[in-house]
Amino acid sequence: MERIDHMEHLDRQLVDELTQVARETIREELREQTRKQRRTAMLYAASGALALYAGAAVAVAAGLALGIGLPDWAAALITAAVLGVAAYLVRRAARPHPARPGGAQGPLAGSAPSGPSGAARPYPPVPPMPPVAPGAPLPRRGEAPHGHGVDPRDPHPHG
């Protein structure tokens, strides 16, 4: 009996050691992945900041170029208006467009259908009638389709 208790103790000890090794290995892998992702995020942030300054420099250059033939205030106003229109167009392109009932846009035109809150539905719309086998007569409105020669209990109908 003592031998069995001793074996259970060794088994428990082995399981605890294996669990500890697995935890340490996973923890080290996650640290390494986090380190890489943090570095990538910092590089993206730096890239975005540099792009912002580059855009500002282009806006200043455009304003100065317009300032050659116009008063400085007019050049600044035109530059601000152009940047405002560009920002509006980019924001509008980022938003999903709601489907128009009479237009060419809709679920079949490539845009995602949107619900009442403007968010995309997590599932496709339900068809008004269940699908009918090719060649079968279409049921009348309000009438259930007939399963001609189809056994409803058969989980794999061959048709």
Protein backbone atom coordinates (compact mmCIF):
# COMPACT_ATOMS: atom_id res chain seq x y z
CA MET A 1 0.00 0.00 0.00
CA GLU A 2 2.86 2.35 0.80
CA ARG A 3 4.32 1.75 -2.65
CA ILE A 4 1.06 2.87 -4.33
CA ASP A 5 0.93 6.03 -2.21
CA HIS A 6 4.57 6.70 -3.06
CA MET A 7 3.80 6.26 -6.81
CA GLU A 8 0.82 8.65 -6.57
CA HIS A 9 3.07 11.19 -4.89
CA LEU A 10 5.66 10.81 -7.68
CA ASP A 11 2.94 11.08 -10.33
CA ARG A 12 1.59 14.23 -8.73
CA GLN A 13 5.10 15.66 -8.49
CA LEU A 14 5.78 14.85 -12.16
CA VAL A 15 2.51 16.46 -13.25
CA ASP A 16 3.30 19.57 -11.19
CA GLU A 17 6.76 19.84 -12.73
CA LEU A 18 5.43 19.38 -16.25
CA THR A 19 2.76 22.01 -15.62
CA GLN A 20 5.38 24.43 -14.33
CA VAL A 21 7.64 23.87 -17.36
CA ALA A 22 4.70 24.32 -19.74
CA ARG A 23 3.68 27.57 -18.00
CA GLU A 24 7.21 28.96 -18.14
CA THR A 25 7.58 28.04 -21.81
CA ILE A 26 4.26 29.64 -22.75
CA ARG A 27 5.05 32.71 -20.65
CA GLU A 28 8.41 33.14 -22.41
CA GLU A 29 6.82 32.73 -25.86
CA LEU A 30 4.17 35.32 -25.01
CA ARG A 31 6.83 37.72 -23.76
CA GLU A 32 8.75 37.34 -27.02
CA GLN A 33 5.61 37.88 -29.12
CA THR A 34 4.65 40.90 -27.03
CA ARG A 35 8.14 42.35 -27.45
CA LYS A 36 7.90 42.00 -31.24
CA GLN A 37 4.38 43.45 -31.36
CA ARG A 38 5.38 46.37 -29.13
CA ARG A 39 8.30 47.16 -31.44
CA THR A 40 6.04 46.95 -34.50
CA ALA A 41 3.44 49.22 -32.87
CA MET A 42 6.10 51.79 -31.99
CA LEU A 43 7.40 51.77 -35.56
CA TYR A 44 3.86 52.27 -36.92
CA ALA A 45 3.31 55.16 -34.49
CA ALA A 46 6.58 56.79 -35.51
CA SER A 47 5.66 56.30 -39.18
CA GLY A 48 2.28 57.94 -38.60
CA ALA A 49 3.85 60.91 -36.81
CA LEU A 50 6.38 61.39 -39.61
CA ALA A 51 3.59 61.17 -42.22
CA LEU A 52 1.63 63.81 -40.29
CA TYR A 53 4.63 66.17 -40.36
CA ALA A 54 5.20 65.45 -44.05
CA GLY A 55 1.57 66.30 -44.78
CA ALA A 56 1.88 69.50 -42.77
CA ALA A 57 4.98 70.44 -44.76
CA VAL A 58 3.13 69.85 -48.03
CA ALA A 59 0.22 72.00 -46.78
CA VAL A 60 2.63 74.80 -45.83
CA ALA A 61 4.35 74.54 -49.23
CA ALA A 62 0.98 74.72 -51.01
CA GLY A 63 0.01 77.73 -48.92
CA LEU A 64 3.30 79.48 -49.67
CA ALA A 65 2.94 78.72 -53.38
CA LEU A 66 -0.56 80.21 -53.37
CA GLY A 67 0.81 83.16 -51.38
CA ILE A 68 2.90 84.19 -54.36
CA GLY A 69 -0.13 85.37 -56.32
CA LEU A 70 -2.66 85.93 -53.52
CA PRO A 71 -2.69 87.67 -50.15
CA ASP A 72 -1.36 85.44 -47.36
CA TRP A 73 -4.74 85.17 -45.63
CA ALA A 74 -6.43 84.00 -48.85
CA ALA A 75 -3.72 81.39 -49.50
CA ALA A 76 -4.12 80.05 -45.93
CA LEU A 77 -7.90 79.99 -46.29
CA ILE A 78 -7.76 78.11 -49.61
CA THR A 79 -5.27 75.60 -48.18
CA ALA A 80 -7.47 75.04 -45.12
CA ALA A 81 -10.56 74.56 -47.31
CA VAL A 82 -8.78 72.01 -49.54
CA LEU A 83 -7.56 70.09 -46.46
CA GLY A 84 -11.06 70.20 -44.95
CA VAL A 85 -12.64 68.80 -48.11
CA ALA A 86 -9.97 66.07 -48.30
CA ALA A 87 -10.61 65.13 -44.64
CA TYR A 88 -14.37 64.97 -45.29
CA LEU A 89 -13.92 62.75 -48.34
CA VAL A 90 -11.60 60.37 -46.49
CA ARG A 91 -14.03 60.14 -43.55
CA ARG A 92 -16.93 59.54 -45.92
CA ALA A 93 -15.01 56.79 -47.73
CA ALA A 94 -14.31 55.07 -44.40
CA ARG A 95 -18.01 54.86 -43.45
CA PRO A 96 -20.26 52.08 -44.73
CA HIS A 97 -22.95 53.49 -46.99
CA PRO A 98 -26.57 52.56 -46.21
CA ALA A 99 -28.40 50.76 -48.99
CA ARG A 100 -30.75 52.97 -50.99
CA PRO A 101 -34.09 51.33 -51.80
CA GLY A 102 -34.39 52.67 -55.36
CA GLY A 103 -30.70 52.88 -56.26
CA ALA A 104 -28.23 50.39 -57.64
CA GLN A 105 -26.70 49.89 -54.22
CA GLY A 106 -27.92 47.05 -52.05
CA PRO A 107 -26.97 43.63 -50.74
CA LEU A 108 -26.24 42.38 -54.26
CA ALA A 109 -24.22 45.47 -55.26
CA GLY A 110 -21.30 44.57 -53.00
CA SER A 111 -22.10 46.62 -49.92
CA ALA A 112 -22.92 44.96 -46.63
CA PRO A 113 -26.55 45.32 -45.56
CA SER A 114 -26.93 47.53 -42.53
CA GLY A 115 -29.37 47.30 -39.67
CA PRO A 116 -31.32 50.09 -38.01
CA SER A 117 -28.24 51.31 -36.12
CA GLY A 118 -26.11 51.42 -39.28
CA ALA A 119 -24.03 48.43 -38.21
CA ALA A 120 -23.67 45.49 -40.55
CA ARG A 121 -25.95 42.55 -39.79
CA PRO A 122 -24.20 39.46 -38.43
CA TYR A 123 -26.33 37.20 -40.68
CA PRO A 124 -27.86 37.40 -44.15
CA PRO A 125 -31.53 38.30 -44.54
CA VAL A 126 -34.03 35.43 -44.46
CA PRO A 127 -35.67 34.75 -47.83
CA PRO A 128 -39.46 35.22 -47.89
CA MET A 129 -39.99 31.58 -49.01
CA PRO A 130 -38.00 28.41 -48.46
CA PRO A 131 -35.97 27.26 -51.48
CA VAL A 132 -37.68 24.97 -53.98
CA ALA A 133 -35.97 22.20 -55.96
CA PRO A 134 -35.21 23.07 -59.61
CA GLY A 135 -38.03 22.08 -61.92
CA ALA A 136 -40.59 21.84 -59.10
CA PRO A 137 -43.68 24.07 -59.34
CA LEU A 138 -43.49 27.20 -57.23
CA PRO A 139 -45.92 27.31 -54.28
CA ARG A 140 -48.52 30.04 -54.13
CA ARG A 141 -48.16 32.81 -51.61
CA GLY A 142 -48.98 31.60 -48.09
CA GLU A 143 -48.78 27.95 -49.10
CA ALA A 144 -45.97 25.64 -47.94
CA PRO A 145 -43.99 23.94 -50.72
CA HIS A 146 -44.73 20.27 -51.30
CA GLY A 147 -41.88 17.83 -50.96
CA HIS A 148 -42.58 15.68 -54.03
CA GLY A 149 -40.95 12.34 -53.28
CA VAL A 150 -38.77 13.74 -50.48
CA ASP A 151 -38.76 12.11 -47.07
CA PRO A 152 -38.54 14.90 -44.44
CA ARG A 153 -36.98 12.43 -41.94
CA ASP A 154 -34.07 11.66 -44.29
CA PRO A 155 -31.10 13.74 -43.08
CA HIS A 156 -29.32 13.41 -46.43
CA PRO A 157 -31.88 13.73 -49.23
CA HIS A 158 -30.63 12.69 -52.64
CA GLY A 159 -32.14 14.94 -55.20
